[in-house]
Every structure is written in structure tokens, then in C-alpha cells.
Amino acid sequence: MSAAGWFIVLLALVGANLPFANQRLFSVIPLKAAKKSAWIRIGEVIVFYFIVGALGFMLEARAGNRFEQGWQFYAVTFSLFLVLAFPGFTFQYLVKRR
């Protein structure tokens, strides 16, 4: 696997966990509520999936061999993105805090 491939995997790991790491919208915009709702986090995960995917397609096109993908590719990569989000989800919702 090339350096660009590992970069995309690392970027996907960070992007998948970023919605769970803070209480700001896209880690930039402060919200009025003290805690982000789960629906906002789900929306952020979806947006970050598309951002990482666009960067992946850009790197693939830059390498000179961009391939067309079917719906199966997107189903598998989104499922992988959700698996990569599990550490952030666990920290946010399953770890008991005092």
C-alpha cells in the first residue's frame, strides 16, 4: 500500500472520531446547547465520510488511474468508516465518567 493509501486510512480514522471528540459543530462552530445531540454527530460523521472520500478520489486521480465504483464500494467504505468511529463512540457514550 502506498503512502497516499495510508494517509487516507489515517485521515478516515481521525475524521470518523472527530465528531465524538468535542462539543462543537465540525470542531469549529460553538453550539448553544451544552452537549451535541446524537443526530448532529451522525450528520457530522456522514459529512466527514464524504470529505475523506473526496480527498481519496483526488489522490487516486492524481496518481493517474481513477476507477469507477459501484454502490458496493460505497456501502463497504461507509461501513468501514463507522467501524473506525467506534473508539470515539465508546469514549463519548459508553465510558462512565464521574
Protein backbone atom coordinates (compact mmCIF):
# COMPACT_ATOMS: atom_id res chain seq x y z
CA MET A 1 0.00 0.00 0.00
CA SER A 2 1.35 3.41 -0.91
CA ALA A 3 1.87 6.37 1.37
CA ALA A 4 -1.26 8.02 -0.06
CA GLY A 5 -3.32 4.96 0.88
CA TRP A 6 -2.07 5.01 4.47
CA PHE A 7 -2.70 8.75 4.60
CA ILE A 8 -6.35 8.22 3.62
CA VAL A 9 -6.76 5.47 6.23
CA LEU A 10 -5.28 7.73 8.92
CA LEU A 11 -7.45 10.63 7.75
CA ALA A 12 -10.52 8.38 7.88
CA LEU A 13 -9.66 7.34 11.44
CA VAL A 14 -9.35 10.97 12.54
CA GLY A 15 -12.43 12.08 10.58
CA ALA A 16 -14.58 9.28 11.96
CA ASN A 17 -13.70 10.09 15.58
CA LEU A 18 -13.71 13.89 15.33
CA PRO A 19 -17.50 14.30 15.88
CA PHE A 20 -17.17 12.49 19.21
CA ALA A 21 -14.10 14.39 20.42
CA ASN A 22 -15.71 17.75 21.18
CA GLN A 23 -18.99 19.63 21.58
CA ARG A 24 -18.56 21.97 18.61
CA LEU A 25 -20.15 21.61 15.18
CA PHE A 26 -17.45 20.30 12.82
CA SER A 27 -14.96 21.09 15.62
CA VAL A 28 -15.20 24.80 14.78
CA ILE A 29 -18.68 26.27 15.35
CA PRO A 30 -19.76 26.57 19.00
CA LEU A 31 -23.29 25.36 19.75
CA LYS A 32 -25.77 26.89 22.19
CA ALA A 33 -26.53 23.51 23.75
CA ALA A 34 -24.13 22.19 26.38
CA LYS A 35 -23.96 18.80 24.66
CA LYS A 36 -24.29 17.86 20.99
CA SER A 37 -27.18 15.59 20.12
CA ALA A 38 -26.61 12.19 18.57
CA TRP A 39 -28.28 13.34 15.34
CA ILE A 40 -25.77 16.13 14.90
CA ARG A 41 -22.93 13.65 15.47
CA ILE A 42 -24.41 11.28 12.86
CA GLY A 43 -24.65 14.15 10.38
CA GLU A 44 -21.05 15.10 11.05
CA VAL A 45 -19.89 11.51 10.50
CA ILE A 46 -21.67 11.46 7.13
CA VAL A 47 -20.16 14.79 6.08
CA PHE A 48 -16.67 13.69 7.14
CA TYR A 49 -17.15 10.45 5.17
CA PHE A 50 -17.78 12.47 2.00
CA ILE A 51 -14.84 14.79 2.71
CA VAL A 52 -12.43 11.87 3.20
CA GLY A 53 -13.88 10.15 0.12
CA ALA A 54 -13.38 13.27 -2.00
CA LEU A 55 -9.77 13.52 -0.85
CA GLY A 56 -9.29 9.83 -1.66
CA PHE A 57 -10.67 10.30 -5.16
CA MET A 58 -8.43 13.35 -5.61
CA LEU A 59 -5.34 11.39 -4.64
CA GLU A 60 -6.38 8.47 -6.85
CA ALA A 61 -6.93 10.78 -9.83
CA ARG A 62 -3.60 12.44 -9.19
CA ALA A 63 -1.92 9.03 -9.35
CA GLY A 64 -3.39 8.71 -12.85
CA ASN A 65 -5.72 5.74 -12.53
CA ARG A 66 -9.13 6.70 -11.18
CA PHE A 67 -11.58 3.80 -11.26
CA GLU A 68 -15.38 3.95 -11.37
CA GLN A 69 -17.03 2.49 -8.27
CA GLY A 70 -20.41 0.86 -7.80
CA TRP A 71 -22.78 1.07 -4.85
CA GLN A 72 -21.00 -1.89 -3.21
CA PHE A 73 -17.82 0.15 -2.83
CA TYR A 74 -19.68 2.95 -1.04
CA ALA A 75 -21.54 0.51 1.22
CA VAL A 76 -18.29 -1.16 2.28
CA THR A 77 -16.33 2.07 2.77
CA PHE A 78 -19.14 3.67 4.80
CA SER A 79 -19.33 0.55 6.97
CA LEU A 80 -15.56 0.71 7.47
CA PHE A 81 -15.87 4.40 8.36
CA LEU A 82 -18.45 3.52 11.02
CA VAL A 83 -16.16 0.83 12.42
CA LEU A 84 -13.35 3.38 12.60
CA ALA A 85 -15.71 5.67 14.57
CA PHE A 86 -16.19 3.08 17.30
CA PRO A 87 -13.40 4.35 19.63
CA GLY A 88 -14.90 7.85 19.66
CA PHE A 89 -18.41 6.49 20.16
CA THR A 90 -17.20 4.32 23.02
CA PHE A 91 -15.44 7.21 24.70
CA GLN A 92 -18.41 9.54 24.32
CA TYR A 93 -21.31 7.25 25.22
CA LEU A 94 -20.07 4.07 26.92
CA VAL A 95 -17.28 5.23 29.24
CA LYS A 96 -18.70 6.18 32.63
CA ARG A 97 -17.49 9.50 33.97
CA ARG A 98 -17.68 10.81 37.50
